[in-house]
Amino acid sequence: MTIEFEISTLIPATAGQIYDAWLDSEAHTRMTGGKAQVSAQVGGEFTAWDGYIHGKNLALEPGRRILQAWRTADFAEDDEDSLLEVIFEPEADGTRVRLRHSHLPDEDGSGYEQGWVLNYFEPMKDYFLKK
């Protein structure tokens, strides 16, 4: 059995700005506070949060959607990759960033929802407010 969830937040930036920062190593690092090495190419691999997160880009729709095979150092070797879908929806005061995270291992998947809020959504809001 696996865990899945969907969460969203409003970020004070355009969809293009957030999408570009997510797929740029330097901007992703500054945006989250954890070192990242990312790719803006389908099939490109990435690491984030000082190597704790790694995976591969499965689909990219500039300014609209990112789909990644995603896993952390906590996954067992025989765990399948989870799927992370990031959707950017323009709104009047910025962009609604919607995360759909699925196929998380049952034994540790429940903690990832709060991790996204604390380690991505909150730092992203601060990052774009300061720009």
Protein backbone atom coordinates (compact mmCIF):
# COMPACT_ATOMS: atom_id res chain seq x y z
CA MET A 1 0.00 0.00 0.00
CA THR A 2 1.20 3.53 -0.77
CA ILE A 3 0.26 7.00 0.39
CA GLU A 4 -0.80 9.94 -1.76
CA PHE A 5 -1.93 13.48 -1.07
CA GLU A 6 -2.55 16.85 -2.70
CA ILE A 7 -1.73 20.21 -1.13
CA SER A 8 -1.59 23.74 -2.49
CA THR A 9 -0.61 27.26 -1.56
CA LEU A 10 -0.58 30.71 -3.12
CA ILE A 11 2.91 32.00 -4.00
CA PRO A 12 3.39 35.74 -4.72
CA ALA A 13 5.02 35.27 -8.15
CA THR A 14 4.08 34.40 -11.71
CA ALA A 15 3.79 30.79 -12.81
CA GLY A 16 6.78 31.30 -15.09
CA GLN A 17 8.95 32.67 -12.29
CA ILE A 18 8.18 29.72 -9.99
CA TYR A 19 8.58 27.12 -12.75
CA ASP A 20 11.93 28.62 -13.81
CA ALA A 21 13.21 28.76 -10.21
CA TRP A 22 12.19 25.15 -9.57
CA LEU A 23 14.26 23.98 -12.57
CA ASP A 24 17.34 26.17 -12.01
CA SER A 25 19.98 24.83 -9.60
CA GLU A 26 21.01 28.19 -8.13
CA ALA A 27 17.46 29.55 -7.81
CA HIS A 28 16.11 26.27 -6.38
CA THR A 29 18.88 26.33 -3.76
CA ARG A 30 18.11 29.94 -2.80
CA MET A 31 14.35 29.35 -2.89
CA THR A 32 14.40 26.37 -0.50
CA GLY A 33 17.61 26.80 1.52
CA GLY A 34 18.84 23.30 0.61
CA LYS A 35 21.51 22.70 -2.05
CA ALA A 36 20.00 21.56 -5.34
CA GLN A 37 21.36 20.37 -8.67
CA VAL A 38 18.47 20.29 -11.13
CA SER A 39 17.79 19.91 -14.82
CA ALA A 40 15.29 21.70 -17.04
CA GLN A 41 15.16 18.78 -19.51
CA VAL A 42 12.77 15.84 -19.74
CA GLY A 43 14.77 12.82 -18.61
CA GLY A 44 17.18 15.05 -16.70
CA GLU A 45 18.08 14.02 -13.16
CA PHE A 46 17.98 16.21 -10.07
CA THR A 47 18.99 16.30 -6.43
CA ALA A 48 17.65 18.67 -3.77
CA TRP A 49 17.98 19.34 -0.07
CA ASP A 50 21.69 18.51 0.04
CA GLY A 51 21.17 15.18 -1.74
CA TYR A 52 18.31 13.98 0.47
CA ILE A 53 15.89 14.14 -2.52
CA HIS A 54 16.69 12.82 -5.99
CA GLY A 55 14.88 11.77 -9.12
CA LYS A 56 14.20 12.46 -12.78
CA ASN A 57 12.00 14.80 -14.81
CA LEU A 58 9.28 12.81 -16.59
CA ALA A 59 7.29 15.66 -18.20
CA LEU A 60 7.75 19.43 -18.35
CA GLU A 61 5.20 22.00 -19.53
CA PRO A 62 6.85 25.42 -19.13
CA GLY A 63 4.99 27.63 -16.69
CA ARG A 64 2.25 25.00 -16.23
CA ARG A 65 3.39 21.61 -14.93
CA ILE A 66 6.33 19.49 -13.75
CA LEU A 67 6.10 15.71 -13.36
CA GLN A 68 8.97 13.92 -11.64
CA ALA A 69 9.98 10.47 -10.44
CA TRP A 70 10.94 11.38 -6.87
CA ARG A 71 12.50 9.66 -3.87
CA THR A 72 14.44 10.43 -0.72
CA ALA A 73 17.30 8.82 1.14
CA ASP A 74 14.64 7.33 3.45
CA PHE A 75 13.15 5.13 0.70
CA ALA A 76 14.15 1.47 0.86
CA GLU A 77 16.12 0.25 -2.15
CA ASP A 78 13.19 -1.86 -3.29
CA ASP A 79 10.62 0.97 -2.95
CA GLU A 80 9.37 2.24 -6.28
CA ASP A 81 9.89 5.92 -7.08
CA SER A 82 7.06 8.17 -6.00
CA LEU A 83 5.45 10.56 -8.48
CA LEU A 84 5.47 14.28 -7.87
CA GLU A 85 3.25 16.50 -10.02
CA VAL A 86 3.60 20.26 -9.55
CA ILE A 87 0.88 22.35 -11.22
CA PHE A 88 1.05 26.14 -11.55
CA GLU A 89 -2.31 27.96 -11.73
CA PRO A 90 -2.25 31.76 -12.15
CA GLU A 91 -4.47 33.73 -9.74
CA ALA A 92 -4.99 37.43 -9.11
CA ASP A 93 -2.43 37.64 -6.28
CA GLY A 94 0.17 35.24 -7.64
CA THR A 95 0.19 31.56 -8.54
CA ARG A 96 -1.51 28.61 -6.89
CA VAL A 97 1.12 25.88 -6.63
CA ARG A 98 -0.61 22.50 -6.37
CA LEU A 99 1.44 19.43 -5.41
CA ARG A 100 0.14 15.95 -6.06
CA HIS A 101 2.45 13.41 -4.47
CA SER A 102 1.65 9.72 -4.97
CA HIS A 103 3.20 6.26 -4.60
CA LEU A 104 4.93 7.19 -1.33
CA PRO A 105 5.96 4.21 0.79
CA ASP A 106 3.42 3.50 3.50
CA GLU A 107 5.97 3.29 6.30
CA ASP A 108 7.23 6.88 5.99
CA GLY A 109 5.04 8.61 3.44
CA SER A 110 2.77 10.44 5.85
CA GLY A 111 5.48 12.89 6.96
CA TYR A 112 6.11 14.25 3.48
CA GLU A 113 2.99 16.41 3.39
CA GLN A 114 4.21 18.58 6.29
CA GLY A 115 7.71 18.51 4.81
CA TRP A 116 6.45 20.18 1.64
CA VAL A 117 4.86 22.96 3.67
CA LEU A 118 7.86 23.59 5.93
CA ASN A 119 10.68 23.02 3.43
CA TYR A 120 9.14 24.32 0.20
CA PHE A 121 5.95 26.37 0.50
CA GLU A 122 7.03 28.60 3.40
CA PRO A 123 10.57 29.30 2.08
CA MET A 124 9.19 29.86 -1.44
CA LYS A 125 6.79 32.53 -0.18
CA ASP A 126 9.65 34.32 1.60
CA TYR A 127 11.94 34.00 -1.44
CA PHE A 128 9.46 35.56 -3.85
CA LEU A 129 8.34 38.27 -1.41
CA LYS A 130 11.96 39.46 -1.22
CA LYS A 131 12.45 39.51 -5.02
